[in-house]
Each structure stands twice: as C-alpha cells, then as structure tokens.
Amino acid sequence: MKNFKRTVAGISALTFALGLTACGGGDTATTAPGSNDASATQATDATTTAATTTVTMASEDAEAVSGATALLRDEELENKTIKFLSHWDINPAEGVSVPVQLGMFQEKYGGKVEWIPTTWETRYSDLSTLVLGGSGVDFFPRDEESLPKGVISGMFQPVDDYIDLDSELWSDVAVAMDKYNFNGRHYALISSVSADAVVLYNKQTIDEYGFDDPWELYEEGKWNWDTFSDMLQTFIESDPDKNVGLDGWWSELALYRSGGEAFIEAEDGNIIVNMNSEKIERAMNNMLNLYNKGLVMDKSLYDWNEQPQFMGEGRELFYITGSWAVRNPPEFWPTNIPAENLGMAPVPNSADAEHPWQAAVLDGFCMTKGAQNPLGVALYVECGLAAAVDEGAREVNDKQCREEFKWPQDVIDHLYEINDLARQYPVVDLAGGMSTEIESLTTSNANKSVGLNAALHGVEWATTREELSGALDVLVAEVVDGLEKAQNE
C-alpha cells in the first residue's frame, strides 16, 4: 500500500454530526453520548414532542468557534425550529455541555431542535405515520437501513435544492455524499465521515512480544494484511494454550470492506452489484486465510461472546471494533487496557492496495418528504461541516475527549487520521438499505455461513458467490425498478 501520511492539522474528519464526540467513531445504532435518551429504554408516543433545549453554548466555547461560524452562509430563518424524529435527542441532557454543532446553529441562526421521540424498534413505523399524516417532521438520522428503502416508501426527499455541493464547505464530504446519489439526486446530508472500525491493541503486549507498533508500521507504509497476519500467528504460536486470535464482531465487516469495494454500491448515480469484484475476492480470501491458519478466536468456546478483557490480560493481540468501545472513562472500557497503554491503528489493507480504504460511517441525516423547514435542516448540517474545518471548534471537542474520556493526545490524533482515511476512501455497502432479503444474503450477522461472514467461518468465496449472485441480481433489479418509480411520481 502506498504510504499515506497527512499532518493532523490538515485533518477535517471530525464527528460533530449527531452531537457525537469527535474522539469516537460514528455508531448509528447507539444513543449519542450526553443526549437525552429516555426513548432508548422505554416506548414513547411518537406524536408527543420533547421540549427544546434552552441551554446555550458556554461563552468561552462560543468565542472559540467564532471562526467556524464565520464560514456559514448568511440566511434568515423565518421558522427557527427544525423537528427531529429519533430514538435519541440532539439536545444535551442536564449538566452536559451543548454540542458544538447545535451551539453554532443557535448562535448563527437562532435555531432550535425540537425532538420527536421514538424507539430504535419503532423508528420507521413512527416515521411513516408522521410523514403520511403530514405532521411536519423535518429530518431523521441516516442509518444503514435508510436508503434507498426510504425513498421507495416515500419517506425521504432529495436534498439538492437546499445545498451547494460544489461549495468549499461541502468539499470534504463530497465523496461520501455520492454514496447516496441515486439517478443524479442526493438523499442524505452527510456532515462527517468516520471509520466504522479500528484495530485496538495493548502497547504493553506489543512491547513484551517484541513487535513493531502497528501505528508506526502504518506511518512507514508497512501496516497491511500480511504484517497483521504474521503478528497474529507469532503471538498465538508463542503460547497456544493461553493466547487467542482475532476478536471482535466487527472484524468481518471491517476486513471485507478493507478490500476497497462493497457488495452493493452507488456509482455515478447507479446502483451496482459487485459480486464479481476482484477486490472483494481478495478481501474474502484474506479472511479465509486467517481462518485456515487458526488466527480467529473461536467464539463458540465463550458462548459466542467477544472477550475484549483478554486485551488487558495480555492474551489477545488485536480487537477490531468501533472506536466507541473506548469512548468512555477507562474504567468502563471492555478491553481493561490502562489509558496509557491504549493503541489504535486503522484496519489494514493489502500490501499493494491503491488506497487505504476504510469501512466508513457516514454521520448525517435524511430530509423527510414534506419537511416544513428543509432550509433549517440544511443549515444545521452545515454548522457541523464548518466546525469540522475550524481549529477552535476542534479544541473544544478535544477538551471533552481528554477530560471526560481520559484519552491520551496521541490516540485522539491517531483517530483523526484514521477518520480522514475513511473520509477520503470510504467503502459503504447499500445492502442494509435495499431490502431485508438482500441484507440477509450479504451483510446480516444472522447467518454465519453467508455473505461477509462466510470467509471467517471457513467457506470459500467462490462457493458463496455462486450461491448468491443469481438471487442478488433479481432482488437488486426489483429495488432499482421501485426506486425509479418512486422518483418519477
């Protein structure tokens, strides 16, 4: 892989969208930290709105992000309120500081976010009820199931009329925006891009076994599938009765996408199926190689549970997961690694990869069909984009990482760079947003011998491809037809 190194000062992939903290990755299935999350634990009536926040950004924080605020376009919102349907609230919980993005929306436009609570399980049925009933909900968090399914069902509208994708403000997410370009229309407002997964390791374990530090290997252009596999093999063979192989439920998804392509993608506005992709074949063969060498932890020995605590015990070398796994005070980290020993590296690629592709989380929103304040939603998202390129806004965010989560500065800096890889070279699979049938054949964890899960369970890619290709072609064609009909209505 070509050596990819950028100075941290130039990195813009902050995770301000959704009120998430930049030192974490995006996790669309998790409640945003510091948000009001009552709906995550109990069912709520989707027609009942929560009170909007009256808390504003601290004066010193507002001053720090003034440079970012200056990047925003001048607009006067007649309607200051945007209505947000979600299982979590953008507005901060009591005693928690206002997220930078929301604070800028308040300062620049006098804007407010009115939360319409739902639950994770009922979010789409509640969305349908509200949109079809014309209740005026404006936006909804984009997740893996949103698109293009939500366009076909009449839930979401294009965003192109409310933003200028050619402007400098949108330049950092232009590649990501095209992941949801269907027939020339964009259906997601992406405000930041982050890596879906990282490789966590214990620096003390790395030192004890005499390994080169994975981050240093990355900086030297030597962090790839081969070095990853060799280190795992040496580690396990040194003490096979104690040491275990690769851990993490996110391993399959991360390693499959590290090849550079996904099963189903949007390219130049068209939905394509990549089952015959050489990149996917190489990624799957790499995963099968890990399995055949015995380098993957056998979760059946542990009731099919991850064992990240082995990291702190020196029994586990690598744990692939979202950065959110350590986006807490250290005493809550599942890895039990002391903060000073925490190591983080990007998911490796093949040694001769064109680019350091990363499975990406595209944090952002979908604009609901019939939204009453679409301009307000666009301006709110642009506040996140402006914050992402401003050093003052970044410092406000880094302060939270250091003080609340006790992250060392080098880990914060490393994650910025990993997220920047995902911003420039994102790999996103549309399978989850196509249909339940397509998801079950490709990216679902329900069947351990199908799709992305097959290789790490000993199934050759040629077998999987032969079994799935015909059915996928038919199912995808049905979705494409439904999408075109919905767009032409």
Protein backbone atom coordinates (compact mmCIF):
# COMPACT_ATOMS: atom_id res chain seq x y z
CA MET A 1 0.00 0.00 0.00
CA LYS A 2 1.23 3.45 -0.77
CA ASN A 3 2.40 5.27 2.31
CA PHE A 4 -0.38 7.63 3.36
CA LYS A 5 0.51 10.30 5.88
CA ARG A 6 -1.03 13.68 6.50
CA THR A 7 -0.39 16.18 9.25
CA VAL A 8 -3.08 16.17 11.86
CA ALA A 9 -3.56 19.90 11.41
CA GLY A 10 -4.97 19.25 7.96
CA ILE A 11 -7.40 16.58 9.01
CA SER A 12 -11.05 17.55 8.88
CA ALA A 13 -12.90 14.35 9.63
CA LEU A 14 -14.46 15.31 12.94
CA THR A 15 -17.56 13.62 14.22
CA PHE A 16 -19.67 16.61 15.12
CA ALA A 17 -22.78 15.30 13.43
CA LEU A 18 -25.43 13.86 15.73
CA GLY A 19 -23.74 15.59 18.66
CA LEU A 20 -21.20 12.75 18.86
CA THR A 21 -17.78 13.41 20.28
CA ALA A 22 -15.01 13.50 17.70
CA CYS A 23 -12.78 11.14 19.66
CA GLY A 24 -15.32 8.42 18.95
CA GLY A 25 -16.45 6.95 15.69
CA GLY A 26 -19.98 7.13 14.42
CA ASP A 27 -22.25 4.39 15.59
CA THR A 28 -25.68 4.69 14.14
CA ALA A 29 -27.19 2.06 16.40
CA THR A 30 -26.15 3.71 19.61
CA THR A 31 -27.55 6.63 21.54
CA ALA A 32 -25.44 9.74 21.21
CA PRO A 33 -23.37 10.38 24.34
CA GLY A 34 -24.69 13.13 26.53
CA SER A 35 -28.02 13.23 24.77
CA ASN A 36 -31.44 12.77 26.27
CA ASP A 37 -32.05 9.05 25.77
CA ALA A 38 -35.27 8.21 27.59
CA SER A 39 -36.70 6.73 24.41
CA ALA A 40 -33.89 4.20 24.22
CA THR A 41 -35.24 2.37 27.24
CA GLN A 42 -38.98 2.84 27.01
CA ALA A 43 -41.58 3.12 24.30
CA THR A 44 -42.82 6.62 23.63
CA ASP A 45 -45.72 8.14 21.76
CA ALA A 46 -44.21 9.44 18.54
CA THR A 47 -46.73 12.26 18.38
CA THR A 48 -45.51 13.74 21.66
CA THR A 49 -42.61 16.15 21.30
CA ALA A 50 -39.98 16.75 23.93
CA ALA A 51 -39.18 20.29 25.00
CA THR A 52 -36.47 22.02 23.03
CA THR A 53 -33.35 22.95 24.95
CA THR A 54 -32.89 26.42 26.39
CA VAL A 55 -29.24 25.74 27.22
CA THR A 56 -26.74 27.56 25.04
CA MET A 57 -23.04 27.15 24.39
CA ALA A 58 -20.70 28.48 27.07
CA SER A 59 -19.40 31.94 26.19
CA GLU A 60 -15.78 30.78 26.01
CA ASP A 61 -16.76 27.93 23.69
CA ALA A 62 -18.81 30.27 21.50
CA GLU A 63 -15.79 32.53 21.19
CA ALA A 64 -13.56 29.56 20.32
CA VAL A 65 -15.78 28.53 17.42
CA SER A 66 -16.35 32.05 16.10
CA GLY A 67 -14.03 31.30 13.18
CA ALA A 68 -16.19 28.34 12.19
CA THR A 69 -19.36 30.41 12.49
CA ALA A 70 -17.87 32.90 10.02
CA LEU A 71 -17.77 30.15 7.38
CA LEU A 72 -21.55 29.79 7.38
CA ARG A 73 -23.81 31.40 4.80
CA ASP A 74 -25.98 34.31 5.84
CA GLU A 75 -29.62 33.27 5.92
CA GLU A 76 -32.59 34.45 7.92
CA LEU A 77 -34.76 31.57 9.03
CA GLU A 78 -38.42 32.54 9.21
CA ASN A 79 -39.01 29.30 11.07
CA LYS A 80 -36.30 28.86 13.71
CA THR A 81 -37.28 25.31 14.69
CA ILE A 82 -36.39 22.06 12.98
CA LYS A 83 -38.25 18.91 14.06
CA PHE A 84 -36.17 15.80 14.61
CA LEU A 85 -37.59 12.27 14.86
CA SER A 86 -35.15 9.89 16.53
CA HIS A 87 -34.58 7.44 19.37
CA TRP A 88 -32.08 9.96 20.80
CA ASP A 89 -32.12 13.70 21.32
CA ILE A 90 -29.70 16.19 19.77
CA ASN A 91 -30.33 18.49 22.73
CA PRO A 92 -27.97 17.81 25.64
CA ALA A 93 -29.03 16.21 28.88
CA GLU A 94 -28.98 18.32 32.02
CA GLY A 95 -25.45 19.17 33.10
CA VAL A 96 -23.89 18.24 29.74
CA SER A 97 -22.31 20.89 27.53
CA VAL A 98 -24.04 21.87 24.30
CA PRO A 99 -22.60 20.04 21.27
CA VAL A 100 -20.58 22.34 19.03
CA GLN A 101 -22.84 21.85 16.02
CA LEU A 102 -26.01 22.69 17.93
CA GLY A 103 -24.35 25.64 19.64
CA MET A 104 -23.35 27.12 16.30
CA PHE A 105 -26.89 26.65 14.96
CA GLN A 106 -28.18 28.58 17.96
CA GLU A 107 -25.59 31.35 17.68
CA LYS A 108 -25.76 31.92 13.92
CA TYR A 109 -29.41 31.33 13.09
CA GLY A 110 -31.24 31.43 16.42
CA GLY A 111 -32.15 27.86 15.63
CA LYS A 112 -33.72 25.23 17.85
CA VAL A 113 -34.15 21.49 17.51
CA GLU A 114 -37.47 20.05 18.61
CA TRP A 115 -37.14 16.39 19.40
CA ILE A 116 -39.91 13.94 18.48
CA PRO A 117 -39.03 10.80 20.45
CA THR A 118 -39.34 7.28 19.14
CA THR A 119 -37.59 3.97 19.84
CA TRP A 120 -35.00 2.09 17.82
CA GLU A 121 -37.51 -0.68 17.18
CA THR A 122 -40.39 1.59 16.09
CA ARG A 123 -38.49 4.41 14.41
CA TYR A 124 -39.51 3.56 10.86
CA SER A 125 -43.15 2.80 11.62
CA ASP A 126 -43.38 6.08 13.55
CA LEU A 127 -41.70 7.90 10.67
CA SER A 128 -44.27 6.52 8.24
CA THR A 129 -47.14 7.57 10.48
CA LEU A 130 -45.82 11.11 10.85
CA VAL A 131 -44.85 11.67 7.21
CA LEU A 132 -48.08 10.27 5.80
CA GLY A 133 -50.03 12.24 8.39
CA GLY A 134 -48.31 15.49 7.40
CA SER A 135 -47.22 16.27 10.96
CA GLY A 136 -44.20 18.29 9.85
CA VAL A 137 -41.23 16.23 10.98
CA ASP A 138 -38.20 17.65 9.13
CA PHE A 139 -35.35 15.19 9.48
CA PHE A 140 -34.32 11.74 10.60
CA PRO A 141 -30.90 10.17 11.38
CA ARG A 142 -29.42 8.29 8.45
CA ASP A 143 -28.59 4.70 9.31
CA GLU A 144 -27.75 1.53 7.41
CA GLU A 145 -31.43 0.81 6.75
CA SER A 146 -32.42 4.26 5.48
CA LEU A 147 -31.53 4.30 1.81
CA PRO A 148 -32.71 3.64 -0.81
CA LYS A 149 -35.52 1.91 1.09
CA GLY A 150 -36.83 5.20 2.49
CA VAL A 151 -37.06 6.78 -0.96
CA ILE A 152 -39.07 3.87 -2.33
CA SER A 153 -41.50 4.03 0.60
CA GLY A 154 -41.97 7.79 0.16
CA MET A 155 -40.29 8.79 3.43
CA PHE A 156 -37.35 10.89 2.16
CA GLN A 157 -36.79 13.61 -0.41
CA PRO A 158 -33.70 14.81 -2.33
CA VAL A 159 -31.59 17.48 -0.63
CA ASP A 160 -30.04 19.08 -3.73
CA ASP A 161 -32.33 22.14 -3.74
CA TYR A 162 -31.13 23.26 -0.30
CA ILE A 163 -27.34 22.92 -0.52
CA ASP A 164 -24.50 23.77 -2.91
CA LEU A 165 -22.44 20.61 -3.27
CA ASP A 166 -19.86 22.48 -5.32
CA SER A 167 -19.12 24.89 -2.47
CA GLU A 168 -15.96 24.63 -0.39
CA LEU A 169 -17.99 23.89 2.72
CA TRP A 170 -19.22 20.59 1.26
CA SER A 171 -15.93 19.59 -0.37
CA ASP A 172 -14.75 17.34 2.48
CA VAL A 173 -17.85 15.15 2.28
CA ALA A 174 -18.44 15.27 -1.49
CA VAL A 175 -17.22 11.69 -1.98
CA ALA A 176 -19.42 10.46 0.86
CA MET A 177 -22.47 12.34 -0.43
CA ASP A 178 -22.22 10.43 -3.70
CA LYS A 179 -22.69 7.16 -1.84
CA TYR A 180 -26.37 8.11 -1.68
CA ASN A 181 -26.67 9.60 -5.16
CA PHE A 182 -29.49 7.80 -6.94
CA ASN A 183 -30.07 8.81 -10.55
CA GLY A 184 -28.46 12.19 -10.02
CA ARG A 185 -30.29 13.10 -6.80
CA HIS A 186 -28.73 13.04 -3.34
CA TYR A 187 -30.77 11.70 -0.44
CA ALA A 188 -28.54 12.19 2.60
CA LEU A 189 -26.99 15.20 4.28
CA ILE A 190 -23.60 13.90 5.39
CA SER A 191 -21.96 16.12 7.98
CA SER A 192 -18.98 13.95 8.88
CA VAL A 193 -17.32 10.70 7.98
CA SER A 194 -15.60 8.37 10.41
CA ALA A 195 -14.09 4.91 10.34
CA ASP A 196 -16.59 2.19 11.15
CA ALA A 197 -13.91 0.19 12.93
CA VAL A 198 -10.36 0.45 14.23
CA VAL A 199 -7.78 -2.05 15.42
CA LEU A 200 -7.26 -1.75 19.18
CA TYR A 201 -4.15 -3.15 20.82
CA ASN A 202 -2.31 -3.09 24.14
CA LYS A 203 1.04 -1.31 23.73
CA GLN A 204 2.45 -3.28 26.66
CA THR A 205 1.64 -6.58 24.91
CA ILE A 206 3.19 -5.30 21.69
CA ASP A 207 6.39 -4.43 23.58
CA GLU A 208 6.53 -7.70 25.50
CA TYR A 209 6.46 -9.74 22.29
CA GLY A 210 8.96 -7.52 20.51
CA PHE A 211 6.54 -6.46 17.78
CA ASP A 212 6.77 -3.21 15.87
CA ASP A 213 4.00 -0.84 16.94
CA PRO A 214 1.11 -1.09 14.42
CA TRP A 215 0.75 2.70 14.26
CA GLU A 216 4.43 3.08 13.46
CA LEU A 217 4.09 0.38 10.80
CA TYR A 218 1.21 2.35 9.32
CA GLU A 219 3.30 5.51 9.22
CA GLU A 220 6.05 3.59 7.41
CA GLY A 221 3.61 2.13 4.87
CA LYS A 222 4.12 -1.39 6.25
CA TRP A 223 0.80 -1.97 8.05
CA ASN A 224 -1.08 -4.42 5.81
CA TRP A 225 -2.86 -7.77 5.75
CA ASP A 226 0.47 -9.63 5.73
CA THR A 227 2.02 -7.94 8.77
CA PHE A 228 -1.33 -8.18 10.58
CA SER A 229 -1.49 -11.94 9.92
CA ASP A 230 2.19 -12.56 10.74
CA MET A 231 1.90 -10.80 14.09
CA LEU A 232 -1.21 -12.80 14.99
CA GLN A 233 0.46 -16.08 14.07
CA THR A 234 3.62 -15.35 16.07
CA PHE A 235 1.53 -14.27 19.05
CA ILE A 236 -0.64 -17.39 19.10
CA GLU A 237 2.19 -19.84 18.46
CA SER A 238 4.22 -18.35 21.31
CA ASP A 239 1.65 -19.58 23.86
CA PRO A 240 -1.19 -21.52 22.17
CA ASP A 241 -2.73 -22.62 25.47
CA LYS A 242 -3.24 -19.03 26.63
CA ASN A 243 -3.27 -16.65 23.70
CA VAL A 244 -6.28 -16.27 21.40
CA GLY A 245 -6.76 -14.99 17.88
CA LEU A 246 -8.57 -12.07 16.33
CA ASP A 247 -11.57 -10.90 18.34
CA GLY A 248 -14.49 -8.61 17.58
CA TRP A 249 -17.88 -8.98 15.92
CA TRP A 250 -16.91 -6.10 13.64
CA SER A 251 -13.94 -7.97 12.16
CA GLU A 252 -15.78 -9.43 9.19
CA LEU A 253 -17.33 -6.17 8.05
CA ALA A 254 -14.13 -4.19 8.51
CA LEU A 255 -11.83 -6.68 6.77
CA TYR A 256 -14.23 -7.29 3.88
CA ARG A 257 -14.53 -3.57 3.15
CA SER A 258 -10.79 -3.06 3.51
CA GLY A 259 -10.54 -4.61 0.05
CA GLY A 260 -11.94 -1.41 -1.44
CA GLU A 261 -15.41 -2.36 -2.67
CA ALA A 262 -18.74 -3.43 -1.18
CA PHE A 263 -21.33 -5.94 -2.37
CA ILE A 264 -23.80 -3.24 -3.44
CA GLU A 265 -22.86 0.38 -4.07
CA ALA A 266 -24.00 3.53 -5.84
CA GLU A 267 -21.64 4.60 -8.62
CA ASP A 268 -22.29 7.70 -10.74
CA GLY A 269 -25.89 7.64 -9.57
CA ASN A 270 -26.46 3.98 -10.46
CA ILE A 271 -26.84 1.04 -8.09
CA ILE A 272 -24.40 -1.74 -8.95
CA VAL A 273 -23.74 -5.28 -7.70
CA ASN A 274 -20.06 -6.15 -7.14
CA MET A 275 -20.22 -9.88 -6.53
CA ASN A 276 -17.61 -10.49 -9.26
CA SER A 277 -15.25 -7.83 -7.92
CA GLU A 278 -11.59 -8.87 -7.72
CA LYS A 279 -11.17 -6.57 -4.73
CA ILE A 280 -13.89 -8.36 -2.79
CA GLU A 281 -12.47 -11.73 -3.78
CA ARG A 282 -9.03 -10.76 -2.45
CA ALA A 283 -10.52 -9.46 0.80
CA MET A 284 -12.54 -12.63 1.29
CA ASN A 285 -9.54 -14.83 0.53
CA ASN A 286 -7.52 -12.88 3.10
CA MET A 287 -10.21 -13.54 5.71
CA LEU A 288 -10.34 -17.23 4.75
CA ASN A 289 -6.57 -17.38 5.15
CA LEU A 290 -6.88 -16.04 8.71
CA TYR A 291 -9.46 -18.74 9.46
CA ASN A 292 -7.44 -21.56 7.92
CA LYS A 293 -4.35 -20.57 9.93
CA GLY A 294 -6.32 -20.64 13.18
CA LEU A 295 -5.86 -16.90 13.74
CA VAL A 296 -9.50 -16.12 14.55
CA MET A 297 -10.74 -16.58 18.11
CA ASP A 298 -13.27 -19.40 18.38
CA LYS A 299 -16.21 -17.60 19.99
CA SER A 300 -18.09 -20.87 20.43
CA LEU A 301 -15.72 -21.56 23.34
CA TYR A 302 -17.12 -18.48 25.09
CA ASP A 303 -20.86 -18.85 24.43
CA TRP A 304 -20.44 -16.78 21.24
CA ASN A 305 -19.33 -13.70 23.15
CA GLU A 306 -16.42 -11.38 22.50
CA GLN A 307 -13.62 -11.46 25.08
CA PRO A 308 -12.07 -7.98 24.88
CA GLN A 309 -10.96 -8.18 28.52
CA PHE A 310 -8.26 -10.58 27.28
CA MET A 311 -6.55 -7.47 25.87
CA GLY A 312 -5.82 -6.18 29.35
CA GLU A 313 -4.59 -9.63 30.39
CA GLY A 314 -2.12 -9.82 27.50
CA ARG A 315 -3.93 -12.83 25.99
CA GLU A 316 -5.33 -11.08 22.94
CA LEU A 317 -3.32 -9.10 20.39
CA PHE A 318 -5.92 -7.36 18.21
CA TYR A 319 -9.55 -6.39 18.75
CA ILE A 320 -11.43 -4.88 15.80
CA THR A 321 -14.34 -2.74 16.92
CA GLY A 322 -15.74 0.76 16.67
CA SER A 323 -13.78 3.45 18.47
CA TRP A 324 -16.90 3.94 20.58
CA ALA A 325 -15.80 0.86 22.58
CA VAL A 326 -13.29 3.06 24.40
CA ARG A 327 -15.27 6.30 24.24
CA ASN A 328 -15.87 6.18 27.98
CA PRO A 329 -13.75 6.66 31.08
CA PRO A 330 -11.10 3.88 31.13
CA GLU A 331 -12.78 2.01 33.97
CA PHE A 332 -15.65 1.24 31.57
CA TRP A 333 -13.52 0.09 28.63
CA PRO A 334 -14.29 -3.56 27.82
CA THR A 335 -10.61 -4.08 26.96
CA ASN A 336 -9.36 -3.33 30.51
CA ILE A 337 -6.32 -1.62 28.96
CA PRO A 338 -4.84 1.23 31.03
CA ALA A 339 -5.25 4.51 29.16
CA GLU A 340 -1.50 4.98 28.77
CA ASN A 341 -1.21 1.59 27.03
CA LEU A 342 -4.10 2.02 24.60
CA GLY A 343 -3.05 1.64 20.98
CA MET A 344 -5.17 2.30 17.91
CA ALA A 345 -4.48 1.71 14.22
CA PRO A 346 -6.54 1.66 11.02
CA VAL A 347 -7.86 -1.62 9.67
CA PRO A 348 -5.09 -2.80 7.32
CA ASN A 349 -5.36 -3.25 3.54
CA SER A 350 -3.48 -5.47 1.11
CA ALA A 351 0.20 -4.61 0.68
CA ASP A 352 -0.37 -3.39 -2.89
CA ALA A 353 -3.70 -1.60 -2.39
CA GLU A 354 -4.20 1.59 -4.40
CA HIS A 355 -5.60 3.40 -1.38
CA PRO A 356 -6.03 2.82 2.37
CA TRP A 357 -9.76 2.08 2.08
CA GLN A 358 -11.78 2.01 5.28
CA ALA A 359 -15.28 0.86 6.11
CA ALA A 360 -16.97 4.19 6.74
CA VAL A 361 -19.78 5.55 8.87
CA LEU A 362 -21.48 8.47 7.19
CA ASP A 363 -22.93 10.52 10.00
CA GLY A 364 -25.81 12.66 8.92
CA PHE A 365 -29.49 12.86 8.23
CA CYS A 366 -32.23 12.23 5.72
CA MET A 367 -34.66 15.02 4.92
CA THR A 368 -38.22 13.80 5.26
CA LYS A 369 -40.71 14.15 2.45
CA GLY A 370 -42.93 17.14 3.09
CA ALA A 371 -40.50 18.71 5.56
CA GLN A 372 -41.73 22.14 6.69
CA ASN A 373 -38.26 23.55 7.34
CA PRO A 374 -35.85 21.94 4.86
CA LEU A 375 -33.59 25.00 4.76
CA GLY A 376 -33.23 24.91 8.54
CA VAL A 377 -32.11 21.28 8.37
CA ALA A 378 -29.53 22.09 5.69
CA LEU A 379 -28.16 24.99 7.73
CA TYR A 380 -27.92 22.82 10.84
CA VAL A 381 -25.84 20.25 8.95
CA GLU A 382 -23.62 22.99 7.54
CA CYS A 383 -22.85 24.07 11.11
CA GLY A 384 -21.28 20.65 11.60
CA LEU A 385 -19.31 20.95 8.38
CA ALA A 386 -17.98 24.38 9.37
CA ALA A 387 -16.98 23.13 12.82
CA ALA A 388 -15.05 20.28 11.23
CA VAL A 389 -12.58 22.59 9.50
CA ASP A 390 -12.03 25.01 12.37
CA GLU A 391 -9.19 24.54 14.85
CA GLY A 392 -11.04 26.40 17.60
CA ALA A 393 -14.01 24.06 17.30
CA ARG A 394 -11.70 21.08 17.30
CA GLU A 395 -10.05 22.20 20.54
CA VAL A 396 -13.43 22.49 22.25
CA ASN A 397 -14.12 18.94 21.21
CA ASP A 398 -10.68 17.58 22.12
CA LYS A 399 -11.07 19.04 25.58
CA GLN A 400 -14.10 16.80 26.11
CA CYS A 401 -12.10 13.77 24.96
CA ARG A 402 -9.23 14.47 27.32
CA GLU A 403 -11.25 15.47 30.38
CA GLU A 404 -14.24 13.14 30.15
CA PHE A 405 -12.75 10.05 28.49
CA LYS A 406 -9.09 10.49 29.59
CA TRP A 407 -7.80 9.82 26.09
CA PRO A 408 -4.07 10.49 25.58
CA GLN A 409 -3.46 13.11 22.90
CA ASP A 410 -1.72 10.65 20.58
CA VAL A 411 -4.82 8.43 20.49
CA ILE A 412 -7.01 11.43 19.69
CA ASP A 413 -4.62 12.44 16.91
CA HIS A 414 -4.47 8.91 15.52
CA LEU A 415 -8.24 8.63 15.33
CA TYR A 416 -8.44 11.93 13.46
CA GLU A 417 -6.14 10.47 10.86
CA ILE A 418 -7.97 7.14 10.70
CA ASN A 419 -11.24 9.00 10.22
CA ASP A 420 -9.62 11.06 7.50
CA LEU A 421 -8.76 7.86 5.65
CA ALA A 422 -12.43 6.93 5.82
CA ARG A 423 -13.41 10.39 4.57
CA GLN A 424 -11.16 10.18 1.53
CA TYR A 425 -11.54 6.48 0.77
CA PRO A 426 -14.91 5.39 2.18
CA VAL A 427 -16.36 1.96 1.50
CA VAL A 428 -20.10 1.85 2.14
CA ASP A 429 -22.46 -1.04 1.47
CA LEU A 430 -26.07 -0.29 0.48
CA ALA A 431 -27.23 -3.83 1.25
CA GLY A 432 -28.89 -2.96 4.57
CA GLY A 433 -30.91 -0.18 2.95
CA MET A 434 -32.03 -2.20 -0.07
CA SER A 435 -34.34 -4.83 1.39
CA THR A 436 -34.47 -7.34 4.21
CA GLU A 437 -33.88 -10.18 1.75
CA ILE A 438 -30.77 -8.58 0.28
CA GLU A 439 -29.36 -7.78 3.71
CA SER A 440 -29.89 -11.35 4.91
CA LEU A 441 -27.87 -12.68 1.98
CA THR A 442 -24.96 -10.27 2.30
CA THR A 443 -24.23 -8.21 5.40
CA SER A 444 -26.51 -9.62 8.10
CA ASN A 445 -24.97 -11.42 11.07
CA ALA A 446 -27.95 -13.75 11.31
CA ASN A 447 -26.41 -16.50 9.18
CA LYS A 448 -22.74 -17.16 9.91
CA SER A 449 -22.06 -19.00 6.63
CA VAL A 450 -23.48 -16.42 4.22
CA GLY A 451 -22.14 -13.23 2.68
CA LEU A 452 -19.47 -11.30 4.53
CA ASN A 453 -19.49 -13.81 7.40
CA ALA A 454 -18.66 -16.81 5.25
CA ALA A 455 -14.88 -16.49 4.97
CA LEU A 456 -14.15 -16.25 8.69
CA HIS A 457 -16.22 -19.41 9.11
CA GLY A 458 -14.28 -21.44 6.58
CA VAL A 459 -16.44 -21.02 3.45
CA GLU A 460 -14.60 -20.25 0.22
CA TRP A 461 -15.64 -17.07 -1.57
CA ALA A 462 -16.19 -18.87 -4.89
CA THR A 463 -18.85 -21.01 -3.22
CA THR A 464 -20.57 -18.03 -1.62
CA ARG A 465 -20.52 -16.02 -4.85
CA GLU A 466 -22.03 -18.85 -6.88
CA GLU A 467 -24.83 -19.33 -4.36
CA LEU A 468 -25.75 -15.65 -4.10
CA SER A 469 -25.13 -13.95 -7.44
CA GLY A 470 -28.28 -15.00 -9.30
CA ALA A 471 -30.65 -14.23 -6.45
CA LEU A 472 -29.00 -10.87 -5.76
CA ASP A 473 -29.26 -9.77 -9.38
CA VAL A 474 -33.02 -10.37 -9.33
CA LEU A 475 -33.58 -8.75 -5.93
CA VAL A 476 -31.48 -5.68 -6.73
CA ALA A 477 -33.27 -5.22 -10.06
CA GLU A 478 -36.58 -5.11 -8.18
CA VAL A 479 -35.26 -2.40 -5.85
CA VAL A 480 -33.86 -0.34 -8.74
CA ASP A 481 -37.22 -0.52 -10.50
CA GLY A 482 -39.05 0.55 -7.34
CA LEU A 483 -36.62 3.43 -6.83
CA GLU A 484 -37.10 4.77 -10.35
CA LYS A 485 -40.87 4.62 -9.99
CA ALA A 486 -40.76 6.47 -6.66
CA GLN A 487 -38.50 9.18 -8.08
CA ASN A 488 -40.81 9.74 -11.04
CA GLU A 489 -44.00 10.04 -9.01
